[in-house]
Amino acid sequence: MAWLTRVSNADALVVDVRGNTGGTTPTKLIRAVMERFWPWWTEFAADVGFLWLRSAGEGEFSIRPDGSGAIWRPPYEQPEEPVFRGRLAVLVDRATGSAAEDFAMPLLVTKRAILIGEKTSGSTGQPVICQRAGFSMGVGAIRASLPDGRAFENVGLRPDVSVDMSPEDLSSGRDPALALALELLASDG
C-alpha cells in the first residue's frame, strides 16, 4: 500500500492485473481506491451450513425452495477514507482470476474504473481440493454471480473496452491495452 500512498495525488492510475490468477482478496487495496458503497458477489452453495458460516449472519441469506442449497447476498461494502481519488483504469486478461477478479468486479460494476483488455477467467477460487491416486483436483465449493444476478463462474468479467493482444503485439513488445488506457485517461483529464 506504500506505493499507492506515493501516487495518491496523481490525476490517474493504471493497475495491471493481467496474468494475476489470484491469492488473497486485496480488501485494503479495494478500500483504498473506492469512493462509494459497492456490492459484492452473490454466492450459492449446496452446503447450506458452509454458506451460513461464511455469511456470518450478515446480508440476505435464503435457502432455495427446492432444497438444493442456499443463496447469500452480502451487504454492500462501505468505503473508508480512500487513498487514491483520481481516475482509474484496470488492465485485465483471460488469466485474471479469483482474487484479482475480486479486485476488478466492484470497480467495474460501480464504474469507479474503466476495465480494459480481455474477458477474465471467471473463477472465484474457494476450491475443495480432492487428492486421489497421485493427482489433485480443485472443485469449486461456491458459485458466484455478479451483484445483478448475471453469471460469473466460467464466464468472467467483460471489460468496458475489449482489447486483444495479437502475436505481432507480443513479438514487437507493443501493449495495445496499456496504450489505450493511457490514451483514455489522458483524454478524461
N, C-alpha and C. Protein backbone atom coordinates (compact mmCIF):
# COMPACT_ATOMS: atom_id res chain seq x y z
N MET A 1 0.82 -1.20 0.00
CA MET A 1 0.00 0.00 0.00
C MET A 1 0.86 1.26 0.00
N ALA A 2 2.13 1.13 0.36
CA ALA A 2 3.01 2.29 0.37
C ALA A 2 3.10 2.91 -1.03
N TRP A 3 3.10 2.08 -2.07
CA TRP A 3 3.19 2.61 -3.42
C TRP A 3 1.96 3.45 -3.75
N LEU A 4 0.80 3.06 -3.24
CA LEU A 4 -0.42 3.82 -3.52
C LEU A 4 -0.38 5.17 -2.82
N THR A 5 0.15 5.20 -1.64
CA THR A 5 0.30 6.47 -0.92
C THR A 5 1.22 7.41 -1.69
N ARG A 6 2.28 6.85 -2.29
CA ARG A 6 3.23 7.68 -3.06
C ARG A 6 2.58 8.32 -4.28
N VAL A 7 1.57 7.67 -4.85
CA VAL A 7 0.93 8.20 -6.06
C VAL A 7 -0.46 8.76 -5.77
N SER A 8 -0.78 8.96 -4.51
CA SER A 8 -2.14 9.34 -4.13
C SER A 8 -2.60 10.66 -4.72
N ASN A 9 -1.69 11.54 -5.08
CA ASN A 9 -2.06 12.83 -5.65
C ASN A 9 -2.07 12.83 -7.17
N ALA A 10 -1.82 11.68 -7.79
CA ALA A 10 -1.83 11.60 -9.25
C ALA A 10 -3.25 11.81 -9.78
N ASP A 11 -3.33 12.33 -11.00
CA ASP A 11 -4.64 12.52 -11.63
C ASP A 11 -5.26 11.19 -12.06
N ALA A 12 -4.40 10.22 -12.43
CA ALA A 12 -4.89 8.95 -12.95
C ALA A 12 -3.89 7.85 -12.63
N LEU A 13 -4.41 6.62 -12.62
CA LEU A 13 -3.59 5.46 -12.28
C LEU A 13 -4.04 4.28 -13.12
N VAL A 14 -3.09 3.50 -13.61
CA VAL A 14 -3.37 2.25 -14.31
C VAL A 14 -2.91 1.12 -13.40
N VAL A 15 -3.81 0.18 -13.11
CA VAL A 15 -3.47 -1.01 -12.33
C VAL A 15 -3.56 -2.20 -13.28
N ASP A 16 -2.47 -2.94 -13.40
CA ASP A 16 -2.39 -4.06 -14.33
C ASP A 16 -2.49 -5.37 -13.56
N VAL A 17 -3.62 -6.06 -13.67
CA VAL A 17 -3.78 -7.36 -13.01
C VAL A 17 -3.81 -8.50 -14.03
N ARG A 18 -3.32 -8.25 -15.23
CA ARG A 18 -3.24 -9.30 -16.24
C ARG A 18 -2.28 -10.38 -15.76
N GLY A 19 -2.69 -11.61 -15.94
CA GLY A 19 -1.86 -12.74 -15.53
C GLY A 19 -1.92 -13.05 -14.05
N ASN A 20 -2.67 -12.27 -13.29
CA ASN A 20 -2.79 -12.49 -11.84
C ASN A 20 -3.91 -13.51 -11.63
N THR A 21 -3.54 -14.72 -11.24
CA THR A 21 -4.51 -15.80 -11.09
C THR A 21 -5.13 -15.85 -9.70
N GLY A 22 -4.76 -14.92 -8.83
CA GLY A 22 -5.43 -14.83 -7.55
C GLY A 22 -4.52 -14.98 -6.36
N GLY A 23 -5.11 -15.31 -5.25
CA GLY A 23 -4.42 -15.37 -3.97
C GLY A 23 -5.41 -14.92 -2.91
N THR A 24 -5.02 -13.92 -2.16
CA THR A 24 -5.89 -13.35 -1.14
C THR A 24 -6.56 -12.09 -1.69
N THR A 25 -7.85 -11.96 -1.48
CA THR A 25 -8.57 -10.78 -1.95
C THR A 25 -7.94 -9.52 -1.38
N PRO A 26 -7.59 -8.56 -2.24
CA PRO A 26 -6.91 -7.34 -1.78
C PRO A 26 -7.88 -6.30 -1.21
N THR A 27 -8.51 -6.66 -0.10
CA THR A 27 -9.54 -5.82 0.51
C THR A 27 -9.02 -4.42 0.83
N LYS A 28 -7.82 -4.32 1.38
CA LYS A 28 -7.27 -3.00 1.72
C LYS A 28 -7.09 -2.15 0.46
N LEU A 29 -6.66 -2.77 -0.62
CA LEU A 29 -6.48 -2.03 -1.88
C LEU A 29 -7.83 -1.57 -2.42
N ILE A 30 -8.82 -2.44 -2.39
CA ILE A 30 -10.16 -2.05 -2.86
C ILE A 30 -10.65 -0.85 -2.05
N ARG A 31 -10.54 -0.93 -0.74
CA ARG A 31 -11.00 0.16 0.12
C ARG A 31 -10.20 1.44 -0.11
N ALA A 32 -8.95 1.31 -0.53
CA ALA A 32 -8.11 2.49 -0.75
C ALA A 32 -8.45 3.24 -2.04
N VAL A 33 -9.16 2.59 -2.97
CA VAL A 33 -9.49 3.26 -4.22
C VAL A 33 -10.99 3.51 -4.40
N MET A 34 -11.82 2.93 -3.54
CA MET A 34 -13.27 3.11 -3.68
C MET A 34 -13.72 4.38 -2.97
N GLU A 35 -14.65 5.07 -3.60
CA GLU A 35 -15.19 6.32 -3.04
C GLU A 35 -16.68 6.20 -2.73
N ARG A 36 -17.26 5.05 -3.01
CA ARG A 36 -18.70 4.87 -2.85
C ARG A 36 -18.99 3.46 -2.36
N PHE A 37 -20.20 3.24 -1.87
CA PHE A 37 -20.60 1.89 -1.47
C PHE A 37 -20.53 0.97 -2.68
N TRP A 38 -20.23 -0.31 -2.43
CA TRP A 38 -20.17 -1.23 -3.55
C TRP A 38 -20.74 -2.59 -3.15
N PRO A 39 -21.35 -3.27 -4.15
CA PRO A 39 -21.90 -4.60 -3.90
C PRO A 39 -20.82 -5.66 -4.01
N TRP A 40 -21.12 -6.82 -3.49
CA TRP A 40 -20.21 -7.95 -3.57
C TRP A 40 -20.88 -9.05 -4.35
N TRP A 41 -20.20 -10.16 -4.54
CA TRP A 41 -20.75 -11.29 -5.28
C TRP A 41 -21.98 -11.85 -4.57
N THR A 42 -22.93 -12.37 -5.33
CA THR A 42 -23.98 -13.20 -4.79
C THR A 42 -23.45 -14.63 -4.87
N GLU A 43 -23.55 -15.36 -3.75
CA GLU A 43 -22.95 -16.70 -3.71
C GLU A 43 -24.01 -17.78 -3.51
N PHE A 44 -23.76 -18.93 -4.12
CA PHE A 44 -24.60 -20.11 -3.95
C PHE A 44 -23.72 -21.27 -3.53
N ALA A 45 -24.20 -22.07 -2.61
CA ALA A 45 -23.50 -23.30 -2.23
C ALA A 45 -24.54 -24.37 -1.93
N ALA A 46 -24.22 -25.60 -2.31
CA ALA A 46 -25.11 -26.72 -2.00
C ALA A 46 -25.10 -27.02 -0.50
N ASP A 47 -23.97 -26.75 0.15
CA ASP A 47 -23.85 -26.99 1.59
C ASP A 47 -24.35 -25.75 2.33
N VAL A 48 -25.59 -25.82 2.81
CA VAL A 48 -26.23 -24.67 3.48
C VAL A 48 -25.43 -24.23 4.70
N GLY A 49 -24.97 -25.18 5.49
CA GLY A 49 -24.20 -24.84 6.69
C GLY A 49 -22.91 -24.12 6.38
N PHE A 50 -22.21 -24.57 5.35
CA PHE A 50 -20.97 -23.93 4.94
C PHE A 50 -21.23 -22.47 4.56
N LEU A 51 -22.26 -22.24 3.76
CA LEU A 51 -22.55 -20.87 3.32
C LEU A 51 -23.04 -20.02 4.49
N TRP A 52 -23.80 -20.61 5.40
CA TRP A 52 -24.27 -19.86 6.57
C TRP A 52 -23.09 -19.40 7.41
N LEU A 53 -22.14 -20.28 7.65
CA LEU A 53 -20.95 -19.90 8.42
C LEU A 53 -20.16 -18.82 7.68
N ARG A 54 -20.07 -18.95 6.37
CA ARG A 54 -19.34 -17.96 5.56
C ARG A 54 -20.02 -16.59 5.65
N SER A 55 -21.35 -16.57 5.73
CA SER A 55 -22.08 -15.31 5.75
C SER A 55 -21.96 -14.58 7.08
N ALA A 56 -21.63 -15.31 8.14
CA ALA A 56 -21.52 -14.73 9.49
C ALA A 56 -22.79 -13.97 9.88
N GLY A 57 -23.93 -14.38 9.31
CA GLY A 57 -25.20 -13.76 9.67
C GLY A 57 -25.42 -12.38 9.08
N GLU A 58 -24.57 -11.97 8.15
CA GLU A 58 -24.71 -10.64 7.53
C GLU A 58 -25.32 -10.77 6.15
N GLY A 59 -26.01 -9.74 5.72
CA GLY A 59 -26.59 -9.73 4.39
C GLY A 59 -27.89 -10.51 4.32
N GLU A 60 -28.26 -10.90 3.12
CA GLU A 60 -29.51 -11.63 2.88
C GLU A 60 -29.18 -13.09 2.60
N PHE A 61 -29.70 -13.98 3.42
CA PHE A 61 -29.43 -15.41 3.31
C PHE A 61 -30.75 -16.12 3.07
N SER A 62 -30.81 -17.01 2.07
CA SER A 62 -32.05 -17.75 1.83
C SER A 62 -31.72 -19.17 1.36
N ILE A 63 -32.60 -20.09 1.73
CA ILE A 63 -32.48 -21.47 1.28
C ILE A 63 -33.35 -21.61 0.05
N ARG A 64 -32.81 -22.24 -0.98
CA ARG A 64 -33.58 -22.43 -2.21
C ARG A 64 -34.83 -23.25 -1.93
N PRO A 65 -35.96 -22.89 -2.56
CA PRO A 65 -37.22 -23.62 -2.32
C PRO A 65 -37.12 -25.11 -2.62
N ASP A 66 -36.27 -25.48 -3.58
CA ASP A 66 -36.15 -26.90 -3.92
C ASP A 66 -35.18 -27.64 -3.00
N GLY A 67 -34.60 -26.93 -2.03
CA GLY A 67 -33.69 -27.55 -1.07
C GLY A 67 -32.30 -27.86 -1.62
N SER A 68 -31.98 -27.32 -2.80
CA SER A 68 -30.70 -27.65 -3.44
C SER A 68 -29.52 -26.85 -2.90
N GLY A 69 -29.74 -26.01 -1.93
CA GLY A 69 -28.65 -25.22 -1.38
C GLY A 69 -29.16 -23.87 -0.89
N ALA A 70 -28.23 -22.96 -0.72
CA ALA A 70 -28.57 -21.64 -0.19
C ALA A 70 -27.93 -20.55 -1.05
N ILE A 71 -28.50 -19.36 -0.94
CA ILE A 71 -28.00 -18.18 -1.65
C ILE A 71 -27.71 -17.11 -0.61
N TRP A 72 -26.58 -16.44 -0.79
CA TRP A 72 -26.20 -15.37 0.13
C TRP A 72 -25.87 -14.12 -0.68
N ARG A 73 -26.52 -13.03 -0.32
CA ARG A 73 -26.22 -11.72 -0.90
C ARG A 73 -25.63 -10.88 0.23
N PRO A 74 -24.32 -10.70 0.21
CA PRO A 74 -23.68 -9.93 1.28
C PRO A 74 -24.15 -8.48 1.28
N PRO A 75 -24.02 -7.81 2.41
CA PRO A 75 -24.37 -6.38 2.44
C PRO A 75 -23.38 -5.59 1.59
N TYR A 76 -23.79 -4.40 1.21
CA TYR A 76 -22.87 -3.53 0.46
C TYR A 76 -21.67 -3.22 1.34
N GLU A 77 -20.52 -3.15 0.69
CA GLU A 77 -19.29 -2.78 1.39
C GLU A 77 -19.27 -1.27 1.54
N GLN A 78 -18.72 -0.82 2.62
CA GLN A 78 -18.70 0.60 2.93
C GLN A 78 -17.31 1.17 2.69
N PRO A 79 -17.23 2.27 1.97
CA PRO A 79 -15.90 2.85 1.74
C PRO A 79 -15.33 3.43 3.02
N GLU A 80 -14.02 3.40 3.07
CA GLU A 80 -13.31 4.11 4.14
C GLU A 80 -12.70 5.34 3.48
N GLU A 81 -11.85 6.03 4.15
CA GLU A 81 -11.19 7.18 3.54
C GLU A 81 -10.27 6.69 2.43
N PRO A 82 -10.65 6.93 1.17
CA PRO A 82 -9.80 6.43 0.09
C PRO A 82 -8.46 7.14 0.06
N VAL A 83 -7.47 6.38 -0.37
CA VAL A 83 -6.12 6.93 -0.51
C VAL A 83 -5.99 7.58 -1.89
N PHE A 84 -6.60 6.95 -2.89
CA PHE A 84 -6.48 7.45 -4.26
C PHE A 84 -7.86 7.82 -4.78
N ARG A 85 -8.00 9.08 -5.23
CA ARG A 85 -9.29 9.57 -5.72
C ARG A 85 -9.29 9.91 -7.20
N GLY A 86 -8.17 9.72 -7.87
CA GLY A 86 -8.07 10.07 -9.29
C GLY A 86 -8.77 9.07 -10.19
N ARG A 87 -8.64 9.29 -11.49
CA ARG A 87 -9.21 8.38 -12.48
C ARG A 87 -8.42 7.08 -12.46
N LEU A 88 -9.11 5.99 -12.79
CA LEU A 88 -8.52 4.67 -12.62
C LEU A 88 -8.85 3.78 -13.81
N ALA A 89 -7.84 3.10 -14.32
CA ALA A 89 -8.02 2.09 -15.36
C ALA A 89 -7.41 0.79 -14.84
N VAL A 90 -8.08 -0.33 -15.11
CA VAL A 90 -7.59 -1.64 -14.69
C VAL A 90 -7.46 -2.50 -15.94
N LEU A 91 -6.26 -3.06 -16.13
CA LEU A 91 -5.99 -3.94 -17.27
C LEU A 91 -6.23 -5.38 -16.85
N VAL A 92 -7.04 -6.12 -17.62
CA VAL A 92 -7.40 -7.50 -17.32
C VAL A 92 -7.19 -8.37 -18.55
N ASP A 93 -7.06 -9.68 -18.32
CA ASP A 93 -6.97 -10.62 -19.43
C ASP A 93 -7.57 -11.95 -19.01
N ARG A 94 -7.48 -12.93 -19.89
CA ARG A 94 -8.10 -14.24 -19.64
C ARG A 94 -7.47 -14.98 -18.47
N ALA A 95 -6.26 -14.58 -18.06
CA ALA A 95 -5.59 -15.21 -16.91
C ALA A 95 -5.89 -14.49 -15.60
N THR A 96 -6.62 -13.39 -15.66
CA THR A 96 -7.02 -12.67 -14.44
C THR A 96 -8.09 -13.50 -13.75
N GLY A 97 -7.83 -13.95 -12.51
CA GLY A 97 -8.79 -14.83 -11.85
C GLY A 97 -8.88 -14.61 -10.36
N SER A 98 -9.90 -15.18 -9.79
CA SER A 98 -10.08 -15.30 -8.35
C SER A 98 -9.94 -13.95 -7.64
N ALA A 99 -8.94 -13.78 -6.79
CA ALA A 99 -8.79 -12.55 -6.01
C ALA A 99 -8.58 -11.32 -6.91
N ALA A 100 -7.95 -11.50 -8.07
CA ALA A 100 -7.78 -10.37 -8.98
C ALA A 100 -9.14 -9.95 -9.56
N GLU A 101 -10.03 -10.91 -9.75
CA GLU A 101 -11.39 -10.59 -10.17
C GLU A 101 -12.17 -9.95 -9.02
N ASP A 102 -11.87 -10.37 -7.79
CA ASP A 102 -12.48 -9.71 -6.62
C ASP A 102 -12.11 -8.22 -6.61
N PHE A 103 -10.90 -7.90 -7.02
CA PHE A 103 -10.46 -6.51 -7.09
C PHE A 103 -11.19 -5.78 -8.21
N ALA A 104 -11.26 -6.39 -9.37
CA ALA A 104 -11.81 -5.73 -10.56
C ALA A 104 -13.33 -5.57 -10.52
N MET A 105 -14.04 -6.55 -9.98
CA MET A 105 -15.50 -6.55 -10.06
C MET A 105 -16.15 -5.30 -9.47
N PRO A 106 -15.85 -4.91 -8.22
CA PRO A 106 -16.55 -3.73 -7.69
C PRO A 106 -16.19 -2.45 -8.45
N LEU A 107 -14.98 -2.39 -8.98
CA LEU A 107 -14.58 -1.22 -9.77
C LEU A 107 -15.37 -1.16 -11.07
N LEU A 108 -15.64 -2.33 -11.65
CA LEU A 108 -16.40 -2.41 -12.89
C LEU A 108 -17.87 -2.08 -12.66
N VAL A 109 -18.51 -2.72 -11.68
CA VAL A 109 -19.96 -2.56 -11.52
C VAL A 109 -20.35 -1.19 -10.98
N THR A 110 -19.44 -0.51 -10.29
CA THR A 110 -19.75 0.83 -9.80
C THR A 110 -19.25 1.92 -10.75
N LYS A 111 -18.57 1.51 -11.81
CA LYS A 111 -17.99 2.45 -12.79
C LYS A 111 -16.89 3.32 -12.16
N ARG A 112 -16.28 2.84 -11.08
CA ARG A 112 -15.17 3.57 -10.45
C ARG A 112 -13.94 3.56 -11.34
N ALA A 113 -13.79 2.49 -12.13
CA ALA A 113 -12.63 2.36 -13.03
C ALA A 113 -13.14 1.90 -14.38
N ILE A 114 -12.31 2.09 -15.38
CA ILE A 114 -12.59 1.52 -16.69
C ILE A 114 -11.72 0.27 -16.80
N LEU A 115 -12.36 -0.87 -17.13
CA LEU A 115 -11.62 -2.11 -17.34
C LEU A 115 -11.32 -2.26 -18.81
N ILE A 116 -10.07 -2.59 -19.11
CA ILE A 116 -9.60 -2.67 -20.49
C ILE A 116 -8.85 -3.99 -20.67
N GLY A 117 -9.12 -4.67 -21.76
CA GLY A 117 -8.39 -5.90 -22.08
C GLY A 117 -9.31 -7.01 -22.52
N GLU A 118 -9.03 -8.21 -22.01
CA GLU A 118 -9.79 -9.40 -22.37
C GLU A 118 -10.73 -9.79 -21.23
N LYS A 119 -11.71 -10.60 -21.56
CA LYS A 119 -12.61 -11.15 -20.55
C LYS A 119 -11.78 -11.96 -19.55
N THR A 120 -12.11 -11.85 -18.26
CA THR A 120 -11.37 -12.56 -17.22
C THR A 120 -11.77 -14.04 -17.16
N SER A 121 -11.11 -14.79 -16.28
CA SER A 121 -11.29 -16.25 -16.28
C SER A 121 -12.59 -16.75 -15.68
N GLY A 122 -13.21 -16.01 -14.79
CA GLY A 122 -14.48 -16.45 -14.20
C GLY A 122 -14.32 -17.51 -13.13
N SER A 123 -13.41 -17.26 -12.21
CA SER A 123 -13.14 -18.24 -11.15
C SER A 123 -13.10 -17.56 -9.79
N THR A 124 -13.90 -18.05 -8.85
CA THR A 124 -13.88 -17.47 -7.51
C THR A 124 -12.77 -18.04 -6.66
N GLY A 125 -12.15 -19.11 -7.11
CA GLY A 125 -11.27 -19.82 -6.20
C GLY A 125 -12.15 -20.63 -5.27
N GLN A 126 -11.91 -20.59 -4.00
CA GLN A 126 -12.70 -21.32 -3.00
C GLN A 126 -12.83 -22.80 -3.33
N PRO A 127 -11.76 -23.46 -3.78
CA PRO A 127 -11.92 -24.87 -4.14
C PRO A 127 -11.86 -25.80 -2.94
N VAL A 128 -12.51 -26.92 -3.10
CA VAL A 128 -12.31 -28.06 -2.21
C VAL A 128 -11.32 -28.94 -2.96
N ILE A 129 -10.18 -29.22 -2.34
CA ILE A 129 -9.13 -29.99 -3.01
C ILE A 129 -9.35 -31.48 -2.78
N CYS A 130 -9.40 -32.24 -3.85
CA CYS A 130 -9.54 -33.69 -3.79
C CYS A 130 -8.23 -34.31 -4.27
N GLN A 131 -7.65 -35.17 -3.47
CA GLN A 131 -6.41 -35.84 -3.86
C GLN A 131 -6.67 -37.33 -4.01
N ARG A 132 -6.36 -37.85 -5.17
CA ARG A 132 -6.58 -39.27 -5.46
C ARG A 132 -5.45 -39.77 -6.34
N ALA A 133 -4.97 -40.95 -6.04
CA ALA A 133 -4.04 -41.69 -6.91
C ALA A 133 -2.95 -40.81 -7.53
N GLY A 134 -2.33 -39.97 -6.70
CA GLY A 134 -1.19 -39.20 -7.18
C GLY A 134 -1.52 -37.90 -7.90
N PHE A 135 -2.77 -37.50 -7.95
CA PHE A 135 -3.10 -36.21 -8.54
C PHE A 135 -4.05 -35.47 -7.63
N SER A 136 -4.14 -34.18 -7.81
CA SER A 136 -5.10 -33.41 -7.03
C SER A 136 -5.95 -32.59 -7.98
N MET A 137 -7.16 -32.30 -7.53
CA MET A 137 -8.10 -31.57 -8.35
C MET A 137 -8.86 -30.62 -7.44
N GLY A 138 -9.04 -29.38 -7.89
CA GLY A 138 -9.84 -28.41 -7.15
C GLY A 138 -11.24 -28.35 -7.72
N VAL A 139 -12.22 -28.49 -6.84
CA VAL A 139 -13.63 -28.42 -7.25
C VAL A 139 -14.24 -27.22 -6.53
N GLY A 140 -14.85 -26.32 -7.28
CA GLY A 140 -15.42 -25.12 -6.69
C GLY A 140 -16.48 -25.45 -5.64
N ALA A 141 -16.35 -24.84 -4.47
CA ALA A 141 -17.31 -25.07 -3.39
C ALA A 141 -18.40 -24.00 -3.39
N ILE A 142 -18.15 -22.91 -4.07
CA ILE A 142 -19.08 -21.79 -4.10
C ILE A 142 -19.28 -21.38 -5.56
N ARG A 143 -20.50 -21.08 -5.90
CA ARG A 143 -20.80 -20.49 -7.21
C ARG A 143 -21.15 -19.04 -6.97
N ALA A 144 -20.54 -18.17 -7.73
CA ALA A 144 -20.78 -16.74 -7.57
C ALA A 144 -21.43 -16.18 -8.82
N SER A 145 -22.24 -15.17 -8.62
CA SER A 145 -22.78 -14.41 -9.74
C SER A 145 -22.54 -12.93 -9.45
N LEU A 146 -22.64 -12.14 -10.48
CA LEU A 146 -22.47 -10.70 -10.31
C LEU A 146 -23.62 -10.17 -9.45
N PRO A 147 -23.44 -9.02 -8.84
CA PRO A 147 -24.49 -8.49 -7.96
C PRO A 147 -25.86 -8.37 -8.63
N ASP A 148 -25.88 -8.17 -9.95
CA ASP A 148 -27.16 -8.05 -10.65
C ASP A 148 -27.73 -9.40 -11.06
N GLY A 149 -27.05 -10.49 -10.67
CA GLY A 149 -27.55 -11.84 -10.96
C GLY A 149 -26.96 -12.49 -12.19
N ARG A 150 -26.22 -11.73 -13.01
CA ARG A 150 -25.61 -12.33 -14.20
C ARG A 150 -24.58 -13.37 -13.80
N ALA A 151 -24.45 -14.41 -14.61
CA ALA A 151 -23.49 -15.48 -14.35
C ALA A 151 -22.06 -14.94 -14.35
N PHE A 152 -21.24 -15.50 -13.48
CA PHE A 152 -19.83 -15.15 -13.42
C PHE A 152 -18.94 -16.38 -13.61
N GLU A 153 -19.27 -17.49 -12.91
CA GLU A 153 -18.46 -18.70 -12.99
C GLU A 153 -18.35 -19.16 -14.44
N ASN A 154 -17.12 -19.39 -14.89
CA ASN A 154 -16.81 -19.82 -16.26
C ASN A 154 -17.23 -18.81 -17.32
N VAL A 155 -17.64 -17.63 -16.91
CA VAL A 155 -18.00 -16.56 -17.84
C VAL A 155 -16.99 -15.43 -17.73
N GLY A 156 -16.70 -15.01 -16.51
CA GLY A 156 -15.74 -13.94 -16.28
C GLY A 156 -16.37 -12.57 -16.32
N LEU A 157 -15.51 -11.58 -16.15
CA LEU A 157 -15.91 -10.18 -16.22
C LEU A 157 -15.60 -9.66 -17.62
N ARG A 158 -16.57 -9.04 -18.21
CA ARG A 158 -16.35 -8.43 -19.53
C ARG A 158 -15.83 -7.02 -19.31
N PRO A 159 -14.68 -6.70 -19.88
CA PRO A 159 -14.16 -5.34 -19.69
C PRO A 159 -15.04 -4.31 -20.39
N ASP A 160 -14.90 -3.07 -19.97
CA ASP A 160 -15.61 -1.97 -20.64
C ASP A 160 -15.14 -1.84 -22.09
N VAL A 161 -13.84 -2.03 -22.29
CA VAL A 161 -13.25 -1.93 -23.62
C VAL A 161 -12.43 -3.19 -23.87
N SER A 162 -12.82 -3.96 -24.88
CA SER A 162 -12.10 -5.20 -25.20
C SER A 162 -10.89 -4.87 -26.08
N VAL A 163 -9.76 -5.42 -25.69
CA VAL A 163 -8.53 -5.27 -26.46
C VAL A 163 -7.81 -6.62 -26.43
N ASP A 164 -7.61 -7.21 -27.59
CA ASP A 164 -6.88 -8.48 -27.67
C ASP A 164 -5.43 -8.21 -28.04
N MET A 165 -4.54 -9.05 -27.50
CA MET A 165 -3.13 -8.98 -27.88
C MET A 165 -2.93 -9.92 -29.06
N SER A 166 -2.33 -9.42 -30.12
CA SER A 166 -2.04 -10.26 -31.28
C SER A 166 -0.63 -10.83 -31.14
N PRO A 167 -0.34 -11.88 -31.89
CA PRO A 167 1.03 -12.40 -31.88
C PRO A 167 2.05 -11.32 -32.28
N GLU A 168 1.66 -10.44 -33.19
CA GLU A 168 2.55 -9.36 -33.62
C GLU A 168 2.82 -8.39 -32.47
N ASP A 169 1.77 -8.09 -31.67
CA ASP A 169 1.95 -7.22 -30.50
C ASP A 169 2.96 -7.84 -29.54
N LEU A 170 2.79 -9.13 -29.27
CA LEU A 170 3.69 -9.81 -28.34
C LEU A 170 5.12 -9.81 -28.85
N SER A 171 5.31 -10.14 -30.12
CA SER A 171 6.68 -10.23 -30.65
C SER A 171 7.35 -8.87 -30.76
N SER A 172 6.57 -7.81 -30.93
CA SER A 172 7.17 -6.48 -31.06
C SER A 172 7.24 -5.72 -29.74
N GLY A 173 6.64 -6.30 -28.69
CA GLY A 173 6.65 -5.62 -27.40
C GLY A 173 5.59 -4.54 -27.27
N ARG A 174 4.67 -4.46 -28.22
CA ARG A 174 3.58 -3.48 -28.12
C ARG A 174 2.56 -3.95 -27.10
N ASP A 175 1.95 -3.01 -26.43
CA ASP A 175 0.92 -3.32 -25.43
C ASP A 175 -0.28 -2.43 -25.72
N PRO A 176 -1.17 -2.88 -26.62
CA PRO A 176 -2.30 -2.03 -27.02
C PRO A 176 -3.26 -1.71 -25.87
N ALA A 177 -3.40 -2.61 -24.90
CA ALA A 177 -4.29 -2.33 -23.76
C ALA A 177 -3.74 -1.19 -22.91
N LEU A 178 -2.46 -1.24 -22.62
CA LEU A 178 -1.84 -0.17 -21.84
C LEU A 178 -1.87 1.15 -22.62
N ALA A 179 -1.58 1.09 -23.91
CA ALA A 179 -1.60 2.31 -24.72
C ALA A 179 -2.99 2.94 -24.72
N LEU A 180 -4.02 2.10 -24.84
CA LEU A 180 -5.39 2.62 -24.83
C LEU A 180 -5.75 3.20 -23.46
N ALA A 181 -5.35 2.52 -22.39
CA ALA A 181 -5.63 3.02 -21.04
C ALA A 181 -5.00 4.40 -20.86
N LEU A 182 -3.77 4.56 -21.26
CA LEU A 182 -3.10 5.85 -21.12
C LEU A 182 -3.79 6.93 -21.95
N GLU A 183 -4.19 6.55 -23.15
CA GLU A 183 -4.90 7.49 -24.03
C GLU A 183 -6.24 7.92 -23.43
N LEU A 184 -7.02 6.94 -22.94
CA LEU A 184 -8.33 7.25 -22.37
C LEU A 184 -8.21 8.10 -21.10
N LEU A 185 -7.24 7.78 -20.24
CA LEU A 185 -7.07 8.55 -19.01
C LEU A 185 -6.58 9.96 -19.30
N ALA A 186 -5.75 10.11 -20.33
CA ALA A 186 -5.26 11.45 -20.70
C ALA A 186 -6.40 12.29 -21.28
N SER A 187 -7.30 11.66 -22.06
CA SER A 187 -8.38 12.42 -22.68
C SER A 187 -9.45 12.80 -21.66
N ASP A 188 -9.55 12.07 -20.53
CA ASP A 188 -10.52 12.41 -19.49
C ASP A 188 -10.06 13.60 -18.68
N GLY A 189 -8.77 13.86 -18.69
CA GLY A 189 -8.21 14.92 -17.84
C GLY A 189 -8.47 16.26 -18.41
